[in-house]
Amino acid sequence: MSNEELELLLLKRAEGISSQKSLAQEIGFSVGKVNYVLRALVDKGFIKAEMFLNAQNKRKYSYLLTEAGMAEKIALTKKFIVRKKAEYEELQRDLEADNLWRKK
């Protein structure tokens, strides 16, 4: 998975993140990698991180998608769809060429 795909995944799940550890386990990445990408998204202004002041666990955050984050999520989704469509069309061409070769 590319960094762009990981960013898109985190933008999609931003508001449902209960903890970085559980998210990391769920998507198969290290907590450090998830933390690194989340911090980058916060620094870019795509996600807003708010600490729960009343929580007993002071390391707990709430993540909110910003307007810029929504725009980035849409842009990354479009890029992802274009890339996957191109991959699909290339596979279709390869299958057609393979079928033509086998018929000979």
PDB file of N, CA and C in Angstrom:
ATOM      1  N   MET A   1       0.852  -1.176   0.000  1.00  0.00           N
ATOM      2  CA  MET A   1       0.000   0.000   0.000  1.00  0.00           C
ATOM      3  C   MET A   1       0.895   1.235   0.000  1.00  0.00           C
ATOM      4  N   SER A   2       0.590   2.161  -0.894  1.00  0.00           N
ATOM      5  CA  SER A   2       1.372   3.389  -0.988  1.00  0.00           C
ATOM      6  C   SER A   2       0.986   4.355   0.140  1.00  0.00           C
ATOM      7  N   ASN A   3       1.821   5.378   0.341  1.00  0.00           N
ATOM      8  CA  ASN A   3       1.513   6.395   1.351  1.00  0.00           C
ATOM      9  C   ASN A   3       0.203   7.102   1.028  1.00  0.00           C
ATOM     10  N   GLU A   4      -0.042   7.359  -0.269  1.00  0.00           N
ATOM     11  CA  GLU A   4      -1.292   8.011  -0.672  1.00  0.00           C
ATOM     12  C   GLU A   4      -2.493   7.161  -0.291  1.00  0.00           C
ATOM     13  N   GLU A   5      -2.382   5.849  -0.500  1.00  0.00           N
ATOM     14  CA  GLU A   5      -3.483   4.954  -0.148  1.00  0.00           C
ATOM     15  C   GLU A   5      -3.687   4.916   1.366  1.00  0.00           C
ATOM     16  N   LEU A   6      -2.585   4.940   2.124  1.00  0.00           N
ATOM     17  CA  LEU A   6      -2.695   4.969   3.581  1.00  0.00           C
ATOM     18  C   LEU A   6      -3.315   6.285   4.040  1.00  0.00           C
ATOM     19  N   GLU A   7      -2.909   7.394   3.422  1.00  0.00           N
ATOM     20  CA  GLU A   7      -3.508   8.689   3.757  1.00  0.00           C
ATOM     21  C   GLU A   7      -5.010   8.667   3.485  1.00  0.00           C
ATOM     22  N   LEU A   8      -5.393   8.125   2.326  1.00  0.00           N
ATOM     23  CA  LEU A   8      -6.812   8.044   1.979  1.00  0.00           C
ATOM     24  C   LEU A   8      -7.562   7.191   3.000  1.00  0.00           C
ATOM     25  N   LEU A   9      -6.988   6.072   3.379  1.00  0.00           N
ATOM     26  CA  LEU A   9      -7.614   5.201   4.373  1.00  0.00           C
ATOM     27  C   LEU A   9      -7.804   5.937   5.700  1.00  0.00           C
ATOM     28  N   LEU A  10      -6.788   6.676   6.140  1.00  0.00           N
ATOM     29  CA  LEU A  10      -6.899   7.408   7.398  1.00  0.00           C
ATOM     30  C   LEU A  10      -7.878   8.567   7.288  1.00  0.00           C
ATOM     31  N   LEU A  11      -7.936   9.213   6.122  1.00  0.00           N
ATOM     32  CA  LEU A  11      -8.924  10.282   5.934  1.00  0.00           C
ATOM     33  C   LEU A  11     -10.337   9.716   5.974  1.00  0.00           C
ATOM     34  N   LYS A  12     -10.514   8.521   5.407  1.00  0.00           N
ATOM     35  CA  LYS A  12     -11.833   7.887   5.424  1.00  0.00           C
ATOM     36  C   LYS A  12     -12.258   7.514   6.836  1.00  0.00           C
ATOM     37  N   ARG A  13     -11.291   7.104   7.661  1.00  0.00           N
ATOM     38  CA  ARG A  13     -11.611   6.596   8.994  1.00  0.00           C
ATOM     39  C   ARG A  13     -11.366   7.602  10.103  1.00  0.00           C
ATOM     40  N   ALA A  14     -10.986   8.809   9.759  1.00  0.00           N
ATOM     41  CA  ALA A  14     -10.547   9.804  10.752  1.00  0.00           C
ATOM     42  C   ALA A  14     -11.499   9.948  11.924  1.00  0.00           C
ATOM     43  N   GLU A  15     -12.764  10.101  11.656  1.00  0.00           N
ATOM     44  CA  GLU A  15     -13.711  10.392  12.734  1.00  0.00           C
ATOM     45  C   GLU A  15     -14.113   9.153  13.529  1.00  0.00           C
ATOM     46  N   GLY A  16     -13.717   7.980  13.056  1.00  0.00           N
ATOM     47  CA  GLY A  16     -14.055   6.766  13.780  1.00  0.00           C
ATOM     48  C   GLY A  16     -12.876   6.150  14.510  1.00  0.00           C
ATOM     49  N   ILE A  17     -11.750   6.840  14.549  1.00  0.00           N
ATOM     50  CA  ILE A  17     -10.557   6.294  15.201  1.00  0.00           C
ATOM     51  C   ILE A  17     -10.747   6.333  16.712  1.00  0.00           C
ATOM     52  N   SER A  18     -10.733   5.155  17.318  1.00  0.00           N
ATOM     53  CA  SER A  18     -10.847   5.111  18.779  1.00  0.00           C
ATOM     54  C   SER A  18      -9.464   5.165  19.411  1.00  0.00           C
ATOM     55  N   SER A  19      -8.493   4.521  18.768  1.00  0.00           N
ATOM     56  CA  SER A  19      -7.102   4.608  19.212  1.00  0.00           C
ATOM     57  C   SER A  19      -6.200   4.269  18.043  1.00  0.00           C
ATOM     58  N   GLN A  20      -5.006   4.838  18.064  1.00  0.00           N
ATOM     59  CA  GLN A  20      -4.056   4.550  16.991  1.00  0.00           C
ATOM     60  C   GLN A  20      -3.648   3.082  17.022  1.00  0.00           C
ATOM     61  N   LYS A  21      -3.558   2.522  18.203  1.00  0.00           N
ATOM     62  CA  LYS A  21      -3.158   1.120  18.338  1.00  0.00           C
ATOM     63  C   LYS A  21      -4.182   0.187  17.702  1.00  0.00           C
ATOM     64  N   SER A  22      -5.455   0.407  18.001  1.00  0.00           N
ATOM     65  CA  SER A  22      -6.483  -0.468  17.426  1.00  0.00           C
ATOM     66  C   SER A  22      -6.585  -0.285  15.919  1.00  0.00           C
ATOM     67  N   LEU A  23      -6.428   0.954  15.454  1.00  0.00           N
ATOM     68  CA  LEU A  23      -6.456   1.202  14.013  1.00  0.00           C
ATOM     69  C   LEU A  23      -5.273   0.521  13.332  1.00  0.00           C
ATOM     70  N   ALA A  24      -4.093   0.627  13.933  1.00  0.00           N
ATOM     71  CA  ALA A  24      -2.899   0.002  13.362  1.00  0.00           C
ATOM     72  C   ALA A  24      -3.084  -1.505  13.230  1.00  0.00           C
ATOM     73  N   GLN A  25      -3.634  -2.126  14.269  1.00  0.00           N
ATOM     74  CA  GLN A  25      -3.882  -3.569  14.224  1.00  0.00           C
ATOM     75  C   GLN A  25      -4.902  -3.914  13.151  1.00  0.00           C
ATOM     76  N   GLU A  26      -5.911  -3.104  13.032  1.00  0.00           N
ATOM     77  CA  GLU A  26      -6.991  -3.344  12.068  1.00  0.00           C
ATOM     78  C   GLU A  26      -6.497  -3.282  10.623  1.00  0.00           C
ATOM     79  N   ILE A  27      -5.619  -2.316  10.316  1.00  0.00           N
ATOM     80  CA  ILE A  27      -5.182  -2.134   8.928  1.00  0.00           C
ATOM     81  C   ILE A  27      -3.826  -2.767   8.635  1.00  0.00           C
ATOM     82  N   GLY A  28      -3.179  -3.330   9.663  1.00  0.00           N
ATOM     83  CA  GLY A  28      -1.942  -4.070   9.448  1.00  0.00           C
ATOM     84  C   GLY A  28      -0.689  -3.218   9.333  1.00  0.00           C
ATOM     85  N   PHE A  29      -0.666  -2.086  10.007  1.00  0.00           N
ATOM     86  CA  PHE A  29       0.516  -1.231  10.033  1.00  0.00           C
ATOM     87  C   PHE A  29       0.965  -1.055  11.470  1.00  0.00           C
ATOM     88  N   SER A  30       2.202  -0.599  11.638  1.00  0.00           N
ATOM     89  CA  SER A  30       2.691  -0.336  12.990  1.00  0.00           C
ATOM     90  C   SER A  30       2.032   0.928  13.536  1.00  0.00           C
ATOM     91  N   VAL A  31       1.983   1.018  14.850  1.00  0.00           N
ATOM     92  CA  VAL A  31       1.440   2.213  15.496  1.00  0.00           C
ATOM     93  C   VAL A  31       2.276   3.427  15.104  1.00  0.00           C
ATOM     94  N   GLY A  32       3.584   3.243  15.000  1.00  0.00           N
ATOM     95  CA  GLY A  32       4.473   4.338  14.602  1.00  0.00           C
ATOM     96  C   GLY A  32       4.142   4.892  13.226  1.00  0.00           C
ATOM     97  N   LYS A  33       3.864   4.003  12.285  1.00  0.00           N
ATOM     98  CA  LYS A  33       3.519   4.432  10.920  1.00  0.00           C
ATOM     99  C   LYS A  33       2.190   5.177  10.925  1.00  0.00           C
ATOM    100  N   VAL A  34       1.198   4.650  11.623  1.00  0.00           N
ATOM    101  CA  VAL A  34      -0.111   5.306  11.710  1.00  0.00           C
ATOM    102  C   VAL A  34       0.047   6.676  12.362  1.00  0.00           C
ATOM    103  N   ASN A  35       0.821   6.741  13.445  1.00  0.00           N
ATOM    104  CA  ASN A  35       1.055   8.004  14.130  1.00  0.00           C
ATOM    105  C   ASN A  35       1.747   9.005  13.212  1.00  0.00           C
ATOM    106  N   TYR A  36       2.748   8.549  12.472  1.00  0.00           N
ATOM    107  CA  TYR A  36       3.503   9.411  11.559  1.00  0.00           C
ATOM    108  C   TYR A  36       2.582  10.014  10.488  1.00  0.00           C
ATOM    109  N   VAL A  37       1.752   9.181   9.876  1.00  0.00           N
ATOM    110  CA  VAL A  37       0.863   9.653   8.811  1.00  0.00           C
ATOM    111  C   VAL A  37      -0.236  10.548   9.385  1.00  0.00           C
ATOM    112  N   LEU A  38      -0.789  10.186  10.541  1.00  0.00           N
ATOM    113  CA  LEU A  38      -1.809  11.029  11.174  1.00  0.00           C
ATOM    114  C   LEU A  38      -1.248  12.410  11.513  1.00  0.00           C
ATOM    115  N   ARG A  39      -0.028  12.442  12.056  1.00  0.00           N
ATOM    116  CA  ARG A  39       0.597  13.732  12.371  1.00  0.00           C
ATOM    117  C   ARG A  39       0.805  14.568  11.102  1.00  0.00           C
ATOM    118  N   ALA A  40       1.204  13.915  10.025  1.00  0.00           N
ATOM    119  CA  ALA A  40       1.385  14.625   8.753  1.00  0.00           C
ATOM    120  C   ALA A  40       0.059  15.194   8.270  1.00  0.00           C
ATOM    121  N   LEU A  41      -1.018  14.431   8.403  1.00  0.00           N
ATOM    122  CA  LEU A  41      -2.338  14.908   7.991  1.00  0.00           C
ATOM    123  C   LEU A  41      -2.805  16.066   8.871  1.00  0.00           C
ATOM    124  N   VAL A  42      -2.470  16.013  10.156  1.00  0.00           N
ATOM    125  CA  VAL A  42      -2.795  17.117  11.063  1.00  0.00           C
ATOM    126  C   VAL A  42      -1.980  18.353  10.666  1.00  0.00           C
ATOM    127  N   ASP A  43      -0.678  18.150  10.407  1.00  0.00           N
ATOM    128  CA  ASP A  43       0.200  19.268  10.014  1.00  0.00           C
ATOM    129  C   ASP A  43      -0.258  19.924   8.716  1.00  0.00           C
ATOM    130  N   LYS A  44      -0.787  19.122   7.807  1.00  0.00           N
ATOM    131  CA  LYS A  44      -1.279  19.658   6.529  1.00  0.00           C
ATOM    132  C   LYS A  44      -2.645  20.340   6.680  1.00  0.00           C
ATOM    133  N   GLY A  45      -3.275  20.163   7.831  1.00  0.00           N
ATOM    134  CA  GLY A  45      -4.580  20.770   8.071  1.00  0.00           C
ATOM    135  C   GLY A  45      -5.745  19.948   7.563  1.00  0.00           C
ATOM    136  N   PHE A  46      -5.516  18.663   7.260  1.00  0.00           N
ATOM    137  CA  PHE A  46      -6.571  17.802   6.746  1.00  0.00           C
ATOM    138  C   PHE A  46      -7.384  17.159   7.868  1.00  0.00           C
ATOM    139  N   ILE A  47      -6.739  16.986   9.012  1.00  0.00           N
ATOM    140  CA  ILE A  47      -7.388  16.398  10.181  1.00  0.00           C
ATOM    141  C   ILE A  47      -7.099  17.301  11.369  1.00  0.00           C
ATOM    142  N   LYS A  48      -8.106  17.454  12.203  1.00  0.00           N
ATOM    143  CA  LYS A  48      -7.945  18.206  13.439  1.00  0.00           C
ATOM    144  C   LYS A  48      -7.968  17.202  14.592  1.00  0.00           C
ATOM    145  N   ALA A  49      -6.966  17.274  15.452  1.00  0.00           N
ATOM    146  CA  ALA A  49      -6.887  16.364  16.594  1.00  0.00           C
ATOM    147  C   ALA A  49      -7.198  17.155  17.852  1.00  0.00           C
ATOM    148  N   GLU A  50      -8.177  16.677  18.607  1.00  0.00           N
ATOM    149  CA  GLU A  50      -8.551  17.339  19.854  1.00  0.00           C
ATOM    150  C   GLU A  50      -8.404  16.358  21.000  1.00  0.00           C
ATOM    151  N   MET A  51      -7.758  16.810  22.072  1.00  0.00           N
ATOM    152  CA  MET A  51      -7.582  15.968  23.244  1.00  0.00           C
ATOM    153  C   MET A  51      -8.849  16.042  24.096  1.00  0.00           C
ATOM    154  N   PHE A  52      -9.230  14.897  24.650  1.00  0.00           N
ATOM    155  CA  PHE A  52     -10.356  14.872  25.575  1.00  0.00           C
ATOM    156  C   PHE A  52      -9.871  15.396  26.919  1.00  0.00           C
ATOM    157  N   LEU A  53     -10.267  16.589  27.264  1.00  0.00           N
ATOM    158  CA  LEU A  53      -9.791  17.202  28.500  1.00  0.00           C
ATOM    159  C   LEU A  53     -10.328  16.508  29.741  1.00  0.00           C
ATOM    160  N   ASN A  54     -11.539  15.988  29.658  1.00  0.00           N
ATOM    161  CA  ASN A  54     -12.158  15.368  30.824  1.00  0.00           C
ATOM    162  C   ASN A  54     -11.853  13.877  30.943  1.00  0.00           C
ATOM    163  N   ALA A  55     -11.181  13.320  29.972  1.00  0.00           N
ATOM    164  CA  ALA A  55     -10.902  11.886  29.995  1.00  0.00           C
ATOM    165  C   ALA A  55      -9.804  11.575  31.005  1.00  0.00           C
ATOM    166  N   GLN A  56      -9.896  10.407  31.606  1.00  0.00           N
ATOM    167  CA  GLN A  56      -8.840   9.984  32.534  1.00  0.00           C
ATOM    168  C   GLN A  56      -7.560   9.669  31.768  1.00  0.00           C
ATOM    169  N   ASN A  57      -7.694   9.130  30.564  1.00  0.00           N
ATOM    170  CA  ASN A  57      -6.536   8.845  29.718  1.00  0.00           C
ATOM    171  C   ASN A  57      -6.242  10.105  28.910  1.00  0.00           C
ATOM    172  N   LYS A  58      -5.245  10.856  29.314  1.00  0.00           N
ATOM    173  CA  LYS A  58      -4.945  12.145  28.679  1.00  0.00           C
ATOM    174  C   LYS A  58      -4.320  11.993  27.287  1.00  0.00           C
ATOM    175  N   ARG A  59      -4.013  10.762  26.878  1.00  0.00           N
ATOM    176  CA  ARG A  59      -3.452  10.548  25.545  1.00  0.00           C
ATOM    177  C   ARG A  59      -4.544  10.284  24.508  1.00  0.00           C
ATOM    178  N   LYS A  60      -5.775  10.320  24.908  1.00  0.00           N
ATOM    179  CA  LYS A  60      -6.889  10.023  24.010  1.00  0.00           C
ATOM    180  C   LYS A  60      -7.262  11.259  23.194  1.00  0.00           C
ATOM    181  N   TYR A  61      -7.384  11.076  21.900  1.00  0.00           N
ATOM    182  CA  TYR A  61      -7.713  12.174  20.996  1.00  0.00           C
ATOM    183  C   TYR A  61      -8.978  11.869  20.218  1.00  0.00           C
ATOM    184  N   SER A  62      -9.603  12.930  19.764  1.00  0.00           N
ATOM    185  CA  SER A  62     -10.712  12.841  18.831  1.00  0.00           C
ATOM    186  C   SER A  62     -10.198  13.429  17.521  1.00  0.00           C
ATOM    187  N   TYR A  63     -10.401  12.729  16.432  1.00  0.00           N
ATOM    188  CA  TYR A  63      -9.927  13.198  15.132  1.00  0.00           C
ATOM    189  C   TYR A  63     -11.113  13.646  14.290  1.00  0.00           C
ATOM    190  N   LEU A  64     -11.006  14.836  13.735  1.00  0.00           N
ATOM    191  CA  LEU A  64     -12.071  15.397  12.911  1.00  0.00           C
ATOM    192  C   LEU A  64     -11.526  15.763  11.546  1.00  0.00           C
ATOM    193  N   LEU A  65     -12.275  15.434  10.524  1.00  0.00           N
ATOM    194  CA  LEU A  65     -11.894  15.782   9.155  1.00  0.00           C
ATOM    195  C   LEU A  65     -12.239  17.248   8.906  1.00  0.00           C
ATOM    196  N   THR A  66     -11.265  18.010   8.407  1.00  0.00           N
ATOM    197  CA  THR A  66     -11.494  19.427   8.113  1.00  0.00           C
ATOM    198  C   THR A  66     -12.038  19.565   6.691  1.00  0.00           C
ATOM    199  N   GLU A  67     -12.415  20.777   6.310  1.00  0.00           N
ATOM    200  CA  GLU A  67     -12.861  21.016   4.925  1.00  0.00           C
ATOM    201  C   GLU A  67     -11.747  20.673   3.951  1.00  0.00           C
ATOM    202  N   ALA A  68     -10.526  21.095   4.287  1.00  0.00           N
ATOM    203  CA  ALA A  68      -9.379  20.771   3.434  1.00  0.00           C
ATOM    204  C   ALA A  68      -9.174  19.262   3.374  1.00  0.00           C
ATOM    205  N   GLY A  69      -9.407  18.583   4.495  1.00  0.00           N
ATOM    206  CA  GLY A  69      -9.296  17.132   4.536  1.00  0.00           C
ATOM    207  C   GLY A  69     -10.325  16.454   3.654  1.00  0.00           C
ATOM    208  N   MET A  70     -11.536  16.992   3.646  1.00  0.00           N
ATOM    209  CA  MET A  70     -12.590  16.440   2.787  1.00  0.00           C
ATOM    210  C   MET A  70     -12.217  16.610   1.319  1.00  0.00           C
ATOM    211  N   ALA A  71     -11.687  17.787   0.978  1.00  0.00           N
ATOM    212  CA  ALA A  71     -11.264  18.032  -0.409  1.00  0.00           C
ATOM    213  C   ALA A  71     -10.124  17.087  -0.796  1.00  0.00           C
ATOM    214  N   GLU A  72      -9.189  16.885   0.113  1.00  0.00           N
ATOM    215  CA  GLU A  72      -8.073  15.969  -0.156  1.00  0.00           C
ATOM    216  C   GLU A  72      -8.565  14.532  -0.281  1.00  0.00           C
ATOM    217  N   LYS A  73      -9.501  14.153   0.555  1.00  0.00           N
ATOM    218  CA  LYS A  73     -10.083  12.810   0.491  1.00  0.00           C
ATOM    219  C   LYS A  73     -10.733  12.579  -0.874  1.00  0.00           C
ATOM    220  N   ILE A  74     -11.454  13.561  -1.363  1.00  0.00           N
ATOM    221  CA  ILE A  74     -12.095  13.460  -2.676  1.00  0.00           C
ATOM    222  C   ILE A  74     -11.051  13.363  -3.781  1.00  0.00           C
ATOM    223  N   ALA A  75     -10.016  14.217  -3.697  1.00  0.00           N
ATOM    224  CA  ALA A  75      -8.956  14.208  -4.717  1.00  0.00           C
ATOM    225  C   ALA A  75      -8.212  12.872  -4.722  1.00  0.00           C
ATOM    226  N   LEU A  76      -7.873  12.355  -3.546  1.00  0.00           N
ATOM    227  CA  LEU A  76      -7.176  11.070  -3.470  1.00  0.00           C
ATOM    228  C   LEU A  76      -8.064   9.925  -3.954  1.00  0.00           C
ATOM    229  N   THR A  77      -9.353  10.002  -3.666  1.00  0.00           N
ATOM    230  CA  THR A  77     -10.287   8.972  -4.136  1.00  0.00           C
ATOM    231  C   THR A  77     -10.346   8.964  -5.656  1.00  0.00           C
ATOM    232  N   LYS A  78     -10.407  10.150  -6.253  1.00  0.00           N
ATOM    233  CA  LYS A  78     -10.423  10.241  -7.716  1.00  0.00           C
ATOM    234  C   LYS A  78      -9.149   9.658  -8.313  1.00  0.00           C
ATOM    235  N   LYS A  79      -7.983  10.019  -7.731  1.00  0.00           N
ATOM    236  CA  LYS A  79      -6.715   9.484  -8.220  1.00  0.00           C
ATOM    237  C   LYS A  79      -6.676   7.969  -8.093  1.00  0.00           C
ATOM    238  N   PHE A  80      -7.185   7.454  -6.971  1.00  0.00           N
ATOM    239  CA  PHE A  80      -7.205   6.018  -6.730  1.00  0.00           C
ATOM    240  C   PHE A  80      -8.066   5.315  -7.777  1.00  0.00           C
ATOM    241  N   ILE A  81      -9.234   5.876  -8.055  1.00  0.00           N
ATOM    242  CA  ILE A  81     -10.141   5.275  -9.039  1.00  0.00           C
ATOM    243  C   ILE A  81      -9.512   5.280 -10.428  1.00  0.00           C
ATOM    244  N   VAL A  82      -8.893   6.388 -10.810  1.00  0.00           N
ATOM    245  CA  VAL A  82      -8.240   6.475 -12.123  1.00  0.00           C
ATOM    246  C   VAL A  82      -7.133   5.431 -12.227  1.00  0.00           C
ATOM    247  N   ARG A  83      -6.319   5.308 -11.167  1.00  0.00           N
ATOM    248  CA  ARG A  83      -5.212   4.346 -11.180  1.00  0.00           C
ATOM    249  C   ARG A  83      -5.731   2.918 -11.261  1.00  0.00           C
ATOM    250  N   LYS A  84      -6.760   2.589 -10.474  1.00  0.00           N
ATOM    251  CA  LYS A  84      -7.303   1.232 -10.480  1.00  0.00           C
ATOM    252  C   LYS A  84      -7.990   0.907 -11.806  1.00  0.00           C
ATOM    253  N   LYS A  85      -8.645   1.905 -12.403  1.00  0.00           N
ATOM    254  CA  LYS A  85      -9.278   1.703 -13.705  1.00  0.00           C
ATOM    255  C   LYS A  85      -8.216   1.422 -14.765  1.00  0.00           C
ATOM    256  N   ALA A  86      -7.111   2.146 -14.722  1.00  0.00           N
ATOM    257  CA  ALA A  86      -6.014   1.925 -15.670  1.00  0.00           C
ATOM    258  C   ALA A  86      -5.420   0.525 -15.471  1.00  0.00           C
ATOM    259  N   GLU A  87      -5.254   0.105 -14.225  1.00  0.00           N
ATOM    260  CA  GLU A  87      -4.745  -1.240 -13.943  1.00  0.00           C
ATOM    261  C   GLU A  87      -5.700  -2.298 -14.482  1.00  0.00           C
ATOM    262  N   TYR A  88      -6.989  -2.087 -14.298  1.00  0.00           N
ATOM    263  CA  TYR A  88      -7.994  -3.021 -14.784  1.00  0.00           C
ATOM    264  C   TYR A  88      -7.941  -3.124 -16.313  1.00  0.00           C
ATOM    265  N   GLU A  89      -7.872  -1.966 -16.967  1.00  0.00           N
ATOM    266  CA  GLU A  89      -7.828  -1.974 -18.431  1.00  0.00           C
ATOM    267  C   GLU A  89      -6.558  -2.645 -18.954  1.00  0.00           C
ATOM    268  N   GLU A  90      -5.448  -2.450 -18.249  1.00  0.00           N
ATOM    269  CA  GLU A  90      -4.207  -3.119 -18.647  1.00  0.00           C
ATOM    270  C   GLU A  90      -4.334  -4.632 -18.483  1.00  0.00           C
ATOM    271  N   LEU A  91      -4.947  -5.064 -17.396  1.00  0.00           N
ATOM    272  CA  LEU A  91      -5.171  -6.498 -17.196  1.00  0.00           C
ATOM    273  C   LEU A  91      -6.088  -7.066 -18.277  1.00  0.00           C
ATOM    274  N   GLN A  92      -7.121  -6.322 -18.646  1.00  0.00           N
ATOM    275  CA  GLN A  92      -8.031  -6.768 -19.709  1.00  0.00           C
ATOM    276  C   GLN A  92      -7.259  -6.938 -21.021  1.00  0.00           C
ATOM    277  N   ARG A  93      -6.397  -5.974 -21.355  1.00  0.00           N
ATOM    278  CA  ARG A  93      -5.589  -6.075 -22.584  1.00  0.00           C
ATOM    279  C   ARG A  93      -4.670  -7.287 -22.524  1.00  0.00           C
ATOM    280  N   ASP A  94      -4.051  -7.515 -21.368  1.00  0.00           N
ATOM    281  CA  ASP A  94      -3.163  -8.668 -21.217  1.00  0.00           C
ATOM    282  C   ASP A  94      -3.925  -9.976 -21.388  1.00  0.00           C
ATOM    283  N   LEU A  95      -5.125 -10.044 -20.810  1.00  0.00           N
ATOM    284  CA  LEU A  95      -5.934 -11.260 -20.944  1.00  0.00           C
ATOM    285  C   LEU A  95      -6.361 -11.486 -22.393  1.00  0.00           C
ATOM    286  N   GLU A  96      -6.744 -10.405 -23.068  1.00  0.00           N
ATOM    287  CA  GLU A  96      -7.134 -10.525 -24.474  1.00  0.00           C
ATOM    288  C   GLU A  96      -5.952 -10.960 -25.327  1.00  0.00           C
ATOM    289  N   ALA A  97      -4.769 -10.404 -25.064  1.00  0.00           N
ATOM    290  CA  ALA A  97      -3.578 -10.789 -25.818  1.00  0.00           C
ATOM    291  C   ALA A  97      -3.226 -12.245 -25.525  1.00  0.00           C
ATOM    292  N   ASP A  98      -3.360 -12.681 -24.292  1.00  0.00           N
ATOM    293  CA  ASP A  98      -3.079 -14.056 -23.915  1.00  0.00           C
ATOM    294  C   ASP A  98      -4.053 -14.996 -24.607  1.00  0.00           C
ATOM    295  N   ASN A  99      -5.338 -14.624 -24.659  1.00  0.00           N
ATOM    296  CA  ASN A  99      -6.347 -15.449 -25.312  1.00  0.00           C
ATOM    297  C   ASN A  99      -6.078 -15.553 -26.809  1.00  0.00           C
ATOM    298  N   LEU A 100      -5.677 -14.438 -27.432  1.00  0.00           N
ATOM    299  CA  LEU A 100      -5.343 -14.475 -28.865  1.00  0.00           C
ATOM    300  C   LEU A 100      -4.146 -15.378 -29.112  1.00  0.00           C
ATOM    301  N   TRP A 101      -3.143 -15.314 -28.243  1.00  0.00           N
ATOM    302  CA  TRP A 101      -1.944 -16.121 -28.390  1.00  0.00           C
ATOM    303  C   TRP A 101      -2.269 -17.603 -28.239  1.00  0.00           C
ATOM    304  N   ARG A 102      -3.152 -17.930 -27.313  1.00  0.00           N
ATOM    305  CA  ARG A 102      -3.512 -19.338 -27.072  1.00  0.00           C
ATOM    306  C   ARG A 102      -4.329 -19.921 -28.232  1.00  0.00           C
ATOM    307  N   LYS A 103      -5.077 -19.084 -28.924  1.00  0.00           N
ATOM    308  CA  LYS A 103      -5.919 -19.549 -30.029  1.00  0.00           C
ATOM    309  C   LYS A 103      -5.079 -19.913 -31.260  1.00  0.00           C
ATOM    310  N   LYS A 104      -3.868 -19.391 -31.329  1.00  0.00           N
ATOM    311  CA  LYS A 104      -3.015 -19.636 -32.509  1.00  0.00           C
ATOM    312  C   LYS A 104      -2.417 -20.992 -32.511  1.00  0.00           C
TER     313      LYS A 104
END
